Amino acid sequence: MANAPAVTISDVAERAGVSVGTVSNVVNRPERVTESTRVRVRDAISTLGWVPNGSAATLRAGQATLVGLIVPDIRNPFFTEVARGAEDLAAANGEAIVICNTDWLLSDERRALDALARQRVRGIIINPAGEDERYLEWLSDRGIALVLLDHRRSTGHVSSVVVDDVLGGRLAGEHLLQLGHRRIALVNGPLSIPQCEDRRLGLVAALTDAGLEPERDLIEIEVEAMDATSGLAATEELFASSSPTALFCANDLLAIGVIHGLRRRGMRVPDDVAVVGYDDVELAAMTDPPLTTVHQPSYELGATAYELLRGGEPEQRSFSPHLVQREST
């Protein structure tokens, strides 16, 4: 008779009607959670019989095992929140996270993988810098568990957690089309990055369904770095040769730079140009004007990736994004 599946922190969160992060706070930082929520979560823990493996005290005693987290740009608040999700669950299980940054460079990714292997980490969560996956076999030969973060692998032999970025791009496009925009520009990162390609595909699908011809009607600009400085520069380049009424940016940092660039040109957002970002980082709600963006559950991505790293058979989990409309559109 097969053993029942182990109860996970996600099961507790679902039963209590809270996020994974709230369950983690009840275990590690109960003072951050209201009494009524603490009671609900503890009741769920008791009912389901969930037992965290280890505790933060193990960290303080210097007995924690290590898990690697490799991300392309830790300066981006999206990845900072992903790291927080993984770290909170690691602490609840007596482990520590070692974070490495690649700047989307394969050479830095390989260097990080080698360094983590030498540290004898138990496992690695990685948002790959490219499509070269030879490291998968290399890590497997060393007995290091692996989870792909925001990256699909077609074979299904490795666990992964992803967001449906094609849907996210479609949501952004449909929103701008519903507002009456037909001259839409895409400020995107390199198409070698799967997320950038998928967000473009979603936008193109929305335009096509509306009867437009993306090859003719979509204005595209590709930047090397997905940061605010690149967004600012992209704005200057765009409006030197075209006049879009709406811009969809592949992440919020690009959108913040775009808004600054539009202001420098004396243009008003959204009166003259509407702007949509992607990620819904905390800063997005605090820009002037507050940024309309496609929300991804960054904390939950990190927490889920860590949870999968502790699992058995390879598993693929997917999250659906949603549009958060604010005052930039």
C-alpha atoms as a PDB file:
ATOM      1  CA  MET A   1       0.000   0.000   0.000  1.00  0.00           C
ATOM      2  CA  ALA A   2       1.481   3.361  -1.074  1.00  0.00           C
ATOM      3  CA  ASN A   3       2.352   5.910   1.580  1.00  0.00           C
ATOM      4  CA  ALA A   4       0.181   9.020   1.737  1.00  0.00           C
ATOM      5  CA  PRO A   5       1.868  12.126   0.296  1.00  0.00           C
ATOM      6  CA  ALA A   6       3.714  14.202   2.867  1.00  0.00           C
ATOM      7  CA  VAL A   7       1.864  17.282   4.081  1.00  0.00           C
ATOM      8  CA  THR A   8       3.501  20.475   2.779  1.00  0.00           C
ATOM      9  CA  ILE A   9       3.440  24.080   3.890  1.00  0.00           C
ATOM     10  CA  SER A  10       1.272  24.817   0.834  1.00  0.00           C
ATOM     11  CA  ASP A  11      -1.334  22.389   2.163  1.00  0.00           C
ATOM     12  CA  VAL A  12      -1.367  24.270   5.469  1.00  0.00           C
ATOM     13  CA  ALA A  13      -1.681  27.621   3.704  1.00  0.00           C
ATOM     14  CA  GLU A  14      -4.585  26.395   1.571  1.00  0.00           C
ATOM     15  CA  ARG A  15      -6.473  24.977   4.549  1.00  0.00           C
ATOM     16  CA  ALA A  16      -5.974  28.146   6.595  1.00  0.00           C
ATOM     17  CA  GLY A  17      -6.845  30.418   3.669  1.00  0.00           C
ATOM     18  CA  VAL A  18      -3.562  32.333   3.844  1.00  0.00           C
ATOM     19  CA  SER A  19      -0.338  32.623   1.850  1.00  0.00           C
ATOM     20  CA  VAL A  20       2.683  30.381   2.255  1.00  0.00           C
ATOM     21  CA  GLY A  21       4.542  33.405   3.638  1.00  0.00           C
ATOM     22  CA  THR A  22       1.980  33.849   6.396  1.00  0.00           C
ATOM     23  CA  VAL A  23       2.411  30.227   7.482  1.00  0.00           C
ATOM     24  CA  SER A  24       6.178  30.788   7.544  1.00  0.00           C
ATOM     25  CA  ASN A  25       5.720  33.909   9.678  1.00  0.00           C
ATOM     26  CA  VAL A  26       3.495  32.031  12.143  1.00  0.00           C
ATOM     27  CA  VAL A  27       6.308  29.475  12.553  1.00  0.00           C
ATOM     28  CA  ASN A  28       9.259  31.887  12.581  1.00  0.00           C
ATOM     29  CA  ARG A  29       7.982  35.396  13.311  1.00  0.00           C
ATOM     30  CA  PRO A  30       4.564  35.088  14.993  1.00  0.00           C
ATOM     31  CA  GLU A  31       4.654  38.696  16.187  1.00  0.00           C
ATOM     32  CA  ARG A  32       4.121  39.792  12.571  1.00  0.00           C
ATOM     33  CA  VAL A  33       0.779  37.982  12.324  1.00  0.00           C
ATOM     34  CA  THR A  34      -2.542  38.869  13.933  1.00  0.00           C
ATOM     35  CA  GLU A  35      -3.825  36.620  16.702  1.00  0.00           C
ATOM     36  CA  SER A  36      -6.838  35.440  14.699  1.00  0.00           C
ATOM     37  CA  THR A  37      -4.606  34.436  11.777  1.00  0.00           C
ATOM     38  CA  ARG A  38      -2.144  32.672  14.088  1.00  0.00           C
ATOM     39  CA  VAL A  39      -5.007  30.624  15.531  1.00  0.00           C
ATOM     40  CA  ARG A  40      -6.250  29.692  12.049  1.00  0.00           C
ATOM     41  CA  VAL A  41      -2.816  28.622  10.863  1.00  0.00           C
ATOM     42  CA  ARG A  42      -2.026  26.659  14.025  1.00  0.00           C
ATOM     43  CA  ASP A  43      -5.355  24.879  13.770  1.00  0.00           C
ATOM     44  CA  ALA A  44      -4.493  23.909  10.178  1.00  0.00           C
ATOM     45  CA  ILE A  45      -1.039  22.719  11.251  1.00  0.00           C
ATOM     46  CA  SER A  46      -2.587  20.613  14.021  1.00  0.00           C
ATOM     47  CA  THR A  47      -5.323  19.165  11.809  1.00  0.00           C
ATOM     48  CA  LEU A  48      -2.981  18.247   8.952  1.00  0.00           C
ATOM     49  CA  GLY A  49      -0.122  17.143  11.175  1.00  0.00           C
ATOM     50  CA  TRP A  50       2.471  19.250   9.402  1.00  0.00           C
ATOM     51  CA  VAL A  51       5.858  19.288  11.138  1.00  0.00           C
ATOM     52  CA  PRO A  52       8.590  21.698   9.913  1.00  0.00           C
ATOM     53  CA  ASN A  53      11.881  19.893   9.497  1.00  0.00           C
ATOM     54  CA  GLY A  54      14.225  21.752  11.795  1.00  0.00           C
ATOM     55  CA  SER A  55      13.983  25.317  12.987  1.00  0.00           C
ATOM     56  CA  ALA A  56      15.642  28.692  12.904  1.00  0.00           C
ATOM     57  CA  ALA A  57      17.450  27.654  16.060  1.00  0.00           C
ATOM     58  CA  THR A  58      19.406  25.193  13.948  1.00  0.00           C
ATOM     59  CA  LEU A  59      20.693  28.123  11.909  1.00  0.00           C
ATOM     60  CA  ARG A  60      21.875  29.914  15.025  1.00  0.00           C
ATOM     61  CA  ALA A  61      23.653  26.778  16.151  1.00  0.00           C
ATOM     62  CA  GLY A  62      25.610  26.716  12.894  1.00  0.00           C
ATOM     63  CA  GLN A  63      24.233  23.324  11.911  1.00  0.00           C
ATOM     64  CA  ALA A  64      22.260  24.355   8.830  1.00  0.00           C
ATOM     65  CA  THR A  65      22.716  22.707   5.475  1.00  0.00           C
ATOM     66  CA  LEU A  66      23.010  24.977   2.446  1.00  0.00           C
ATOM     67  CA  VAL A  67      20.821  25.508  -0.599  1.00  0.00           C
ATOM     68  CA  GLY A  68      21.929  27.592  -3.583  1.00  0.00           C
ATOM     69  CA  LEU A  69      19.732  30.161  -5.317  1.00  0.00           C
ATOM     70  CA  ILE A  70      20.976  31.451  -8.690  1.00  0.00           C
ATOM     71  CA  VAL A  71      19.161  34.462 -10.133  1.00  0.00           C
ATOM     72  CA  PRO A  72      19.986  36.743 -13.080  1.00  0.00           C
ATOM     73  CA  ASP A  73      19.628  40.123 -11.351  1.00  0.00           C
ATOM     74  CA  ILE A  74      19.331  40.442  -7.579  1.00  0.00           C
ATOM     75  CA  ARG A  75      18.971  44.238  -7.983  1.00  0.00           C
ATOM     76  CA  ASN A  76      15.535  43.644  -9.461  1.00  0.00           C
ATOM     77  CA  PRO A  77      13.032  43.679  -6.545  1.00  0.00           C
ATOM     78  CA  PHE A  78      11.183  40.793  -8.200  1.00  0.00           C
ATOM     79  CA  PHE A  79      14.118  38.454  -7.586  1.00  0.00           C
ATOM     80  CA  THR A  80      14.675  39.903  -4.108  1.00  0.00           C
ATOM     81  CA  GLU A  81      11.137  38.855  -3.186  1.00  0.00           C
ATOM     82  CA  VAL A  82      11.665  35.430  -4.801  1.00  0.00           C
ATOM     83  CA  ALA A  83      14.743  35.023  -2.605  1.00  0.00           C
ATOM     84  CA  ARG A  84      12.753  36.035   0.475  1.00  0.00           C
ATOM     85  CA  GLY A  85      10.177  33.326  -0.217  1.00  0.00           C
ATOM     86  CA  ALA A  86      12.884  30.669  -0.495  1.00  0.00           C
ATOM     87  CA  GLU A  87      14.778  31.974   2.536  1.00  0.00           C
ATOM     88  CA  ASP A  88      11.757  31.999   4.829  1.00  0.00           C
ATOM     89  CA  LEU A  89      10.983  28.362   4.137  1.00  0.00           C
ATOM     90  CA  ALA A  90      14.642  27.388   4.355  1.00  0.00           C
ATOM     91  CA  ALA A  91      14.866  28.950   7.822  1.00  0.00           C
ATOM     92  CA  ALA A  92      11.767  27.030   8.905  1.00  0.00           C
ATOM     93  CA  ASN A  93      13.567  23.844   7.853  1.00  0.00           C
ATOM     94  CA  GLY A  94      16.938  24.573   9.430  1.00  0.00           C
ATOM     95  CA  GLU A  95      18.682  25.462   6.181  1.00  0.00           C
ATOM     96  CA  ALA A  96      20.381  28.548   4.791  1.00  0.00           C
ATOM     97  CA  ILE A  97      20.204  30.040   1.292  1.00  0.00           C
ATOM     98  CA  VAL A  98      23.330  31.094  -0.610  1.00  0.00           C
ATOM     99  CA  ILE A  99      22.378  33.598  -3.328  1.00  0.00           C
ATOM    100  CA  CYS A 100      24.398  33.986  -6.536  1.00  0.00           C
ATOM    101  CA  ASN A 101      23.869  36.582  -9.285  1.00  0.00           C
ATOM    102  CA  THR A 102      24.606  35.962 -12.987  1.00  0.00           C
ATOM    103  CA  ASP A 103      23.629  39.165 -14.832  1.00  0.00           C
ATOM    104  CA  TRP A 104      22.158  36.780 -17.452  1.00  0.00           C
ATOM    105  CA  LEU A 105      25.706  35.633 -18.336  1.00  0.00           C
ATOM    106  CA  LEU A 106      26.376  31.934 -18.927  1.00  0.00           C
ATOM    107  CA  SER A 107      29.976  32.354 -17.783  1.00  0.00           C
ATOM    108  CA  ASP A 108      28.841  33.740 -14.408  1.00  0.00           C
ATOM    109  CA  GLU A 109      26.196  31.020 -14.134  1.00  0.00           C
ATOM    110  CA  ARG A 110      28.795  28.281 -14.609  1.00  0.00           C
ATOM    111  CA  ARG A 111      31.063  29.966 -12.066  1.00  0.00           C
ATOM    112  CA  ALA A 112      28.205  30.085  -9.543  1.00  0.00           C
ATOM    113  CA  LEU A 113      27.305  26.438 -10.136  1.00  0.00           C
ATOM    114  CA  ASP A 114      30.897  25.382  -9.604  1.00  0.00           C
ATOM    115  CA  ALA A 115      31.204  27.446  -6.407  1.00  0.00           C
ATOM    116  CA  LEU A 116      27.981  26.023  -4.982  1.00  0.00           C
ATOM    117  CA  ALA A 117      29.036  22.470  -5.811  1.00  0.00           C
ATOM    118  CA  ARG A 118      32.309  23.048  -3.953  1.00  0.00           C
ATOM    119  CA  GLN A 119      30.271  24.280  -0.967  1.00  0.00           C
ATOM    120  CA  ARG A 120      28.478  20.905  -1.043  1.00  0.00           C
ATOM    121  CA  VAL A 121      25.022  22.438  -1.180  1.00  0.00           C
ATOM    122  CA  ARG A 122      22.091  20.043  -0.813  1.00  0.00           C
ATOM    123  CA  GLY A 123      20.335  21.515  -3.822  1.00  0.00           C
ATOM    124  CA  ILE A 124      20.147  24.451  -6.212  1.00  0.00           C
ATOM    125  CA  ILE A 125      17.248  26.624  -7.363  1.00  0.00           C
ATOM    126  CA  ILE A 126      18.166  28.325 -10.629  1.00  0.00           C
ATOM    127  CA  ASN A 127      16.651  30.816 -13.031  1.00  0.00           C
ATOM    128  CA  PRO A 128      18.841  29.847 -16.009  1.00  0.00           C
ATOM    129  CA  ALA A 129      20.722  32.478 -17.962  1.00  0.00           C
ATOM    130  CA  GLY A 130      20.121  30.639 -21.244  1.00  0.00           C
ATOM    131  CA  GLU A 131      19.043  27.404 -22.882  1.00  0.00           C
ATOM    132  CA  ASP A 132      22.310  25.508 -22.332  1.00  0.00           C
ATOM    133  CA  GLU A 133      21.262  22.790 -19.861  1.00  0.00           C
ATOM    134  CA  ARG A 134      24.356  20.625 -19.812  1.00  0.00           C
ATOM    135  CA  TYR A 135      24.770  21.534 -16.143  1.00  0.00           C
ATOM    136  CA  LEU A 136      21.706  19.384 -15.339  1.00  0.00           C
ATOM    137  CA  GLU A 137      23.645  16.152 -15.876  1.00  0.00           C
ATOM    138  CA  TRP A 138      26.697  17.674 -14.215  1.00  0.00           C
ATOM    139  CA  LEU A 139      24.744  18.401 -11.034  1.00  0.00           C
ATOM    140  CA  SER A 140      22.971  15.050 -11.124  1.00  0.00           C
ATOM    141  CA  ASP A 141      26.331  13.250 -11.226  1.00  0.00           C
ATOM    142  CA  ARG A 142      27.220  15.052  -7.991  1.00  0.00           C
ATOM    143  CA  GLY A 143      23.969  14.180  -6.277  1.00  0.00           C
ATOM    144  CA  ILE A 144      22.770  17.800  -6.111  1.00  0.00           C
ATOM    145  CA  ALA A 145      19.002  18.297  -6.316  1.00  0.00           C
ATOM    146  CA  LEU A 146      17.758  20.929  -8.752  1.00  0.00           C
ATOM    147  CA  VAL A 147      14.653  23.059  -9.334  1.00  0.00           C
ATOM    148  CA  LEU A 148      14.211  25.384 -12.297  1.00  0.00           C
ATOM    149  CA  LEU A 149      12.742  28.755 -11.368  1.00  0.00           C
ATOM    150  CA  ASP A 150      10.467  30.537 -13.863  1.00  0.00           C
ATOM    151  CA  HIS A 151      11.771  28.269 -16.606  1.00  0.00           C
ATOM    152  CA  ARG A 152      10.138  25.295 -18.310  1.00  0.00           C
ATOM    153  CA  ARG A 153      12.004  22.128 -19.234  1.00  0.00           C
ATOM    154  CA  SER A 154      10.263  20.044 -21.863  1.00  0.00           C
ATOM    155  CA  THR A 155      11.509  16.647 -20.665  1.00  0.00           C
ATOM    156  CA  GLY A 156       9.837  16.956 -17.258  1.00  0.00           C
ATOM    157  CA  HIS A 157      12.754  15.167 -15.564  1.00  0.00           C
ATOM    158  CA  VAL A 158      13.491  18.162 -13.355  1.00  0.00           C
ATOM    159  CA  SER A 159      11.103  20.004 -11.059  1.00  0.00           C
ATOM    160  CA  SER A 160      10.170  23.507 -12.124  1.00  0.00           C
ATOM    161  CA  VAL A 161       7.949  26.375 -11.050  1.00  0.00           C
ATOM    162  CA  VAL A 162       6.814  28.866 -13.659  1.00  0.00           C
ATOM    163  CA  VAL A 163       4.452  31.718 -14.408  1.00  0.00           C
ATOM    164  CA  ASP A 164       2.427  31.699 -17.627  1.00  0.00           C
ATOM    165  CA  ASP A 165       4.200  34.644 -19.257  1.00  0.00           C
ATOM    166  CA  VAL A 166       2.354  34.185 -22.558  1.00  0.00           C
ATOM    167  CA  LEU A 167      -0.874  34.833 -20.664  1.00  0.00           C
ATOM    168  CA  GLY A 168       0.753  37.806 -18.939  1.00  0.00           C
ATOM    169  CA  GLY A 169       1.706  39.408 -22.252  1.00  0.00           C
ATOM    170  CA  ARG A 170      -1.784  38.782 -23.583  1.00  0.00           C
ATOM    171  CA  LEU A 171      -3.370  40.430 -20.529  1.00  0.00           C
ATOM    172  CA  ALA A 172      -1.239  43.545 -21.021  1.00  0.00           C
ATOM    173  CA  GLY A 173      -2.110  43.720 -24.721  1.00  0.00           C
ATOM    174  CA  GLU A 174      -5.824  43.166 -24.206  1.00  0.00           C
ATOM    175  CA  HIS A 175      -5.908  45.882 -21.561  1.00  0.00           C
ATOM    176  CA  LEU A 176      -4.319  48.461 -23.855  1.00  0.00           C
ATOM    177  CA  LEU A 177      -6.547  47.442 -26.762  1.00  0.00           C
ATOM    178  CA  GLN A 178      -9.656  47.782 -24.593  1.00  0.00           C
ATOM    179  CA  LEU A 179      -8.566  51.335 -23.801  1.00  0.00           C
ATOM    180  CA  GLY A 180      -8.570  52.068 -27.535  1.00  0.00           C
ATOM    181  CA  HIS A 181      -4.823  51.999 -28.217  1.00  0.00           C
ATOM    182  CA  ARG A 182      -3.692  50.785 -31.640  1.00  0.00           C
ATOM    183  CA  ARG A 183      -0.161  52.249 -31.800  1.00  0.00           C
ATOM    184  CA  ILE A 184       1.463  50.050 -29.183  1.00  0.00           C
ATOM    185  CA  ALA A 185       5.175  49.679 -28.521  1.00  0.00           C
ATOM    186  CA  LEU A 186       6.972  46.845 -26.738  1.00  0.00           C
ATOM    187  CA  VAL A 187      10.085  47.633 -24.697  1.00  0.00           C
ATOM    188  CA  ASN A 188      11.597  44.185 -24.276  1.00  0.00           C
ATOM    189  CA  GLY A 189      14.731  42.461 -23.073  1.00  0.00           C
ATOM    190  CA  PRO A 190      16.721  39.994 -25.209  1.00  0.00           C
ATOM    191  CA  LEU A 191      14.511  37.342 -26.834  1.00  0.00           C
ATOM    192  CA  SER A 192      17.096  34.767 -25.768  1.00  0.00           C
ATOM    193  CA  ILE A 193      15.501  35.136 -22.312  1.00  0.00           C
ATOM    194  CA  PRO A 194      12.449  32.818 -22.349  1.00  0.00           C
ATOM    195  CA  GLN A 195      10.322  35.195 -20.254  1.00  0.00           C
ATOM    196  CA  CYS A 196      10.905  38.036 -22.731  1.00  0.00           C
ATOM    197  CA  GLU A 197      10.016  35.834 -25.674  1.00  0.00           C
ATOM    198  CA  ASP A 198       6.854  34.537 -23.976  1.00  0.00           C
ATOM    199  CA  ARG A 199       5.621  38.005 -22.980  1.00  0.00           C
ATOM    200  CA  ARG A 200       6.090  39.131 -26.564  1.00  0.00           C
ATOM    201  CA  LEU A 201       4.202  36.099 -27.871  1.00  0.00           C
ATOM    202  CA  GLY A 202       1.263  36.938 -25.599  1.00  0.00           C
ATOM    203  CA  LEU A 203       1.177  40.552 -26.742  1.00  0.00           C
ATOM    204  CA  VAL A 204       1.378  39.505 -30.400  1.00  0.00           C
ATOM    205  CA  ALA A 205      -1.511  37.066 -29.872  1.00  0.00           C
ATOM    206  CA  ALA A 206      -3.673  39.817 -28.361  1.00  0.00           C
ATOM    207  CA  LEU A 207      -2.960  42.162 -31.279  1.00  0.00           C
ATOM    208  CA  THR A 208      -3.638  39.438 -33.837  1.00  0.00           C
ATOM    209  CA  ASP A 209      -6.950  38.527 -32.210  1.00  0.00           C
ATOM    210  CA  ALA A 210      -7.941  42.205 -32.423  1.00  0.00           C
ATOM    211  CA  GLY A 211      -7.389  42.204 -36.192  1.00  0.00           C
ATOM    212  CA  LEU A 212      -4.040  44.003 -36.161  1.00  0.00           C
ATOM    213  CA  GLU A 213      -0.899  42.854 -37.968  1.00  0.00           C
ATOM    214  CA  PRO A 214       1.957  42.779 -35.415  1.00  0.00           C
ATOM    215  CA  GLU A 215       4.618  42.790 -38.143  1.00  0.00           C
ATOM    216  CA  ARG A 216       3.251  46.150 -39.263  1.00  0.00           C
ATOM    217  CA  ASP A 217       1.458  47.595 -36.247  1.00  0.00           C
ATOM    218  CA  LEU A 218       3.677  46.631 -33.284  1.00  0.00           C
ATOM    219  CA  ILE A 219       6.666  48.876 -32.584  1.00  0.00           C
ATOM    220  CA  GLU A 220       9.451  46.917 -30.894  1.00  0.00           C
ATOM    221  CA  ILE A 221      12.660  47.876 -29.190  1.00  0.00           C
ATOM    222  CA  GLU A 222      15.030  45.424 -27.499  1.00  0.00           C
ATOM    223  CA  VAL A 223      17.373  46.459 -24.701  1.00  0.00           C
ATOM    224  CA  GLU A 224      20.331  44.521 -23.334  1.00  0.00           C
ATOM    225  CA  ALA A 225      19.731  45.244 -19.650  1.00  0.00           C
ATOM    226  CA  MET A 226      16.250  45.171 -18.125  1.00  0.00           C
ATOM    227  CA  ASP A 227      16.674  48.121 -15.778  1.00  0.00           C
ATOM    228  CA  ALA A 228      15.410  51.687 -15.397  1.00  0.00           C
ATOM    229  CA  THR A 229      18.386  53.208 -17.204  1.00  0.00           C
ATOM    230  CA  SER A 230      17.654  51.059 -20.251  1.00  0.00           C
ATOM    231  CA  GLY A 231      13.992  52.058 -20.093  1.00  0.00           C
ATOM    232  CA  LEU A 232      14.967  55.713 -20.141  1.00  0.00           C
ATOM    233  CA  ALA A 233      17.231  55.210 -23.149  1.00  0.00           C
ATOM    234  CA  ALA A 234      14.575  53.153 -24.953  1.00  0.00           C
ATOM    235  CA  THR A 235      12.103  56.027 -24.628  1.00  0.00           C
ATOM    236  CA  GLU A 236      14.448  58.418 -26.380  1.00  0.00           C
ATOM    237  CA  GLU A 237      15.044  55.939 -29.181  1.00  0.00           C
ATOM    238  CA  LEU A 238      11.349  55.121 -29.604  1.00  0.00           C
ATOM    239  CA  PHE A 239      10.037  58.657 -29.870  1.00  0.00           C
ATOM    240  CA  ALA A 240      12.835  59.770 -32.158  1.00  0.00           C
ATOM    241  CA  SER A 241      11.282  57.689 -34.935  1.00  0.00           C
ATOM    242  CA  SER A 242       7.697  56.804 -33.924  1.00  0.00           C
ATOM    243  CA  SER A 243       4.725  57.982 -31.904  1.00  0.00           C
ATOM    244  CA  PRO A 244       3.108  55.136 -29.957  1.00  0.00           C
ATOM    245  CA  THR A 245       0.213  55.946 -27.646  1.00  0.00           C
ATOM    246  CA  ALA A 246       0.933  53.006 -25.303  1.00  0.00           C
ATOM    247  CA  LEU A 247       4.010  51.099 -24.137  1.00  0.00           C
ATOM    248  CA  PHE A 248       4.206  47.599 -22.698  1.00  0.00           C
ATOM    249  CA  CYS A 249       7.467  47.012 -20.832  1.00  0.00           C
ATOM    250  CA  ALA A 250       8.854  43.541 -20.113  1.00  0.00           C
ATOM    251  CA  ASN A 251       9.374  44.394 -16.442  1.00  0.00           C
ATOM    252  CA  ASP A 252       8.581  47.142 -13.958  1.00  0.00           C
ATOM    253  CA  LEU A 253      12.106  48.562 -13.844  1.00  0.00           C
ATOM    254  CA  LEU A 254      11.972  49.241 -17.591  1.00  0.00           C
ATOM    255  CA  ALA A 255       8.548  50.844 -17.118  1.00  0.00           C
ATOM    256  CA  ILE A 256       9.836  53.126 -14.364  1.00  0.00           C
ATOM    257  CA  GLY A 257      12.651  54.298 -16.649  1.00  0.00           C
ATOM    258  CA  VAL A 258      10.157  54.794 -19.486  1.00  0.00           C
ATOM    259  CA  ILE A 259       7.922  57.003 -17.331  1.00  0.00           C
ATOM    260  CA  HIS A 260      10.926  59.115 -16.391  1.00  0.00           C
ATOM    261  CA  GLY A 261      11.902  59.381 -20.057  1.00  0.00           C
ATOM    262  CA  LEU A 262       8.402  60.467 -21.067  1.00  0.00           C
ATOM    263  CA  ARG A 263       8.440  63.168 -18.407  1.00  0.00           C
ATOM    264  CA  ARG A 264      11.749  64.472 -19.732  1.00  0.00           C
ATOM    265  CA  ARG A 265      10.088  64.811 -23.127  1.00  0.00           C
ATOM    266  CA  GLY A 266       7.232  66.795 -21.587  1.00  0.00           C
ATOM    267  CA  MET A 267       4.732  63.958 -22.079  1.00  0.00           C
ATOM    268  CA  ARG A 268       2.047  63.020 -19.557  1.00  0.00           C
ATOM    269  CA  VAL A 269       1.238  59.499 -18.376  1.00  0.00           C
ATOM    270  CA  PRO A 270      -1.390  58.286 -19.171  1.00  0.00           C
ATOM    271  CA  ASP A 271      -2.874  61.338 -20.976  1.00  0.00           C
ATOM    272  CA  ASP A 272      -0.309  61.274 -23.783  1.00  0.00           C
ATOM    273  CA  VAL A 273       1.098  57.757 -23.430  1.00  0.00           C
ATOM    274  CA  ALA A 274      -0.139  54.797 -21.370  1.00  0.00           C
ATOM    275  CA  VAL A 275       2.452  52.524 -19.729  1.00  0.00           C
ATOM    276  CA  VAL A 276       2.133  48.908 -18.534  1.00  0.00           C
ATOM    277  CA  GLY A 277       4.881  47.054 -16.653  1.00  0.00           C
ATOM    278  CA  TYR A 278       5.399  43.450 -15.601  1.00  0.00           C
ATOM    279  CA  ASP A 279       6.119  41.818 -12.193  1.00  0.00           C
ATOM    280  CA  ASP A 280       4.230  44.125  -9.802  1.00  0.00           C
ATOM    281  CA  VAL A 281       7.192  44.839  -7.560  1.00  0.00           C
ATOM    282  CA  GLU A 282       6.415  46.804  -4.402  1.00  0.00           C
ATOM    283  CA  LEU A 283       7.737  50.018  -5.970  1.00  0.00           C
ATOM    284  CA  ALA A 284       5.175  49.783  -8.800  1.00  0.00           C
ATOM    285  CA  ALA A 285       2.377  51.037  -6.557  1.00  0.00           C
ATOM    286  CA  MET A 286       4.516  53.992  -5.436  1.00  0.00           C
ATOM    287  CA  THR A 287       5.571  55.448  -8.786  1.00  0.00           C
ATOM    288  CA  ASP A 288       4.064  58.699 -10.030  1.00  0.00           C
ATOM    289  CA  PRO A 289       1.625  57.795 -11.432  1.00  0.00           C
ATOM    290  CA  PRO A 290       1.203  54.358  -9.831  1.00  0.00           C
ATOM    291  CA  LEU A 291       2.074  51.727 -12.424  1.00  0.00           C
ATOM    292  CA  THR A 292      -0.395  49.407 -14.127  1.00  0.00           C
ATOM    293  CA  THR A 293       1.392  46.071 -14.292  1.00  0.00           C
ATOM    294  CA  VAL A 294       1.071  42.318 -14.637  1.00  0.00           C
ATOM    295  CA  HIS A 295       1.364  40.699 -11.229  1.00  0.00           C
ATOM    296  CA  GLN A 296       3.457  37.594 -10.654  1.00  0.00           C
ATOM    297  CA  PRO A 297       3.473  35.896  -7.221  1.00  0.00           C
ATOM    298  CA  SER A 298       7.192  36.399  -6.609  1.00  0.00           C
ATOM    299  CA  TYR A 299       7.276  35.314  -2.958  1.00  0.00           C
ATOM    300  CA  GLU A 300       5.234  32.203  -3.722  1.00  0.00           C
ATOM    301  CA  LEU A 301       7.548  31.336  -6.619  1.00  0.00           C
ATOM    302  CA  GLY A 302      10.551  31.271  -4.292  1.00  0.00           C
ATOM    303  CA  ALA A 303       8.710  29.400  -1.553  1.00  0.00           C
ATOM    304  CA  THR A 304       7.329  26.829  -3.984  1.00  0.00           C
ATOM    305  CA  ALA A 305      10.731  26.302  -5.610  1.00  0.00           C
ATOM    306  CA  TYR A 306      12.228  25.546  -2.197  1.00  0.00           C
ATOM    307  CA  GLU A 307       9.340  23.221  -1.383  1.00  0.00           C
ATOM    308  CA  LEU A 308       9.888  21.319  -4.651  1.00  0.00           C
ATOM    309  CA  LEU A 309      13.575  21.017  -3.821  1.00  0.00           C
ATOM    310  CA  ARG A 310      12.571  19.022  -0.745  1.00  0.00           C
ATOM    311  CA  GLY A 311      10.179  16.808  -2.709  1.00  0.00           C
ATOM    312  CA  GLY A 312      10.601  13.427  -4.323  1.00  0.00           C
ATOM    313  CA  GLU A 313       9.480  12.869  -7.903  1.00  0.00           C
ATOM    314  CA  PRO A 314       9.954  15.723 -10.415  1.00  0.00           C
ATOM    315  CA  GLU A 315       6.986  18.047 -10.422  1.00  0.00           C
ATOM    316  CA  GLN A 316       6.001  21.048 -12.509  1.00  0.00           C
ATOM    317  CA  ARG A 317       3.915  23.811 -10.969  1.00  0.00           C
ATOM    318  CA  SER A 318       2.529  26.819 -12.805  1.00  0.00           C
ATOM    319  CA  PHE A 319       1.078  30.114 -11.597  1.00  0.00           C
ATOM    320  CA  SER A 320      -1.243  32.393 -13.562  1.00  0.00           C
ATOM    321  CA  PRO A 321      -0.503  36.140 -13.591  1.00  0.00           C
ATOM    322  CA  HIS A 322      -3.165  38.831 -13.407  1.00  0.00           C
ATOM    323  CA  LEU A 323      -3.340  42.477 -14.406  1.00  0.00           C
ATOM    324  CA  VAL A 324      -3.262  45.151 -11.716  1.00  0.00           C
ATOM    325  CA  GLN A 325      -4.718  48.361 -13.129  1.00  0.00           C
ATOM    326  CA  ARG A 326      -3.439  51.591 -11.636  1.00  0.00           C
ATOM    327  CA  GLU A 327      -3.105  55.158 -12.891  1.00  0.00           C
ATOM    328  CA  SER A 328      -0.483  54.772 -15.648  1.00  0.00           C
ATOM    329  CA  THR A 329      -3.142  53.564 -18.129  1.00  0.00           C
END
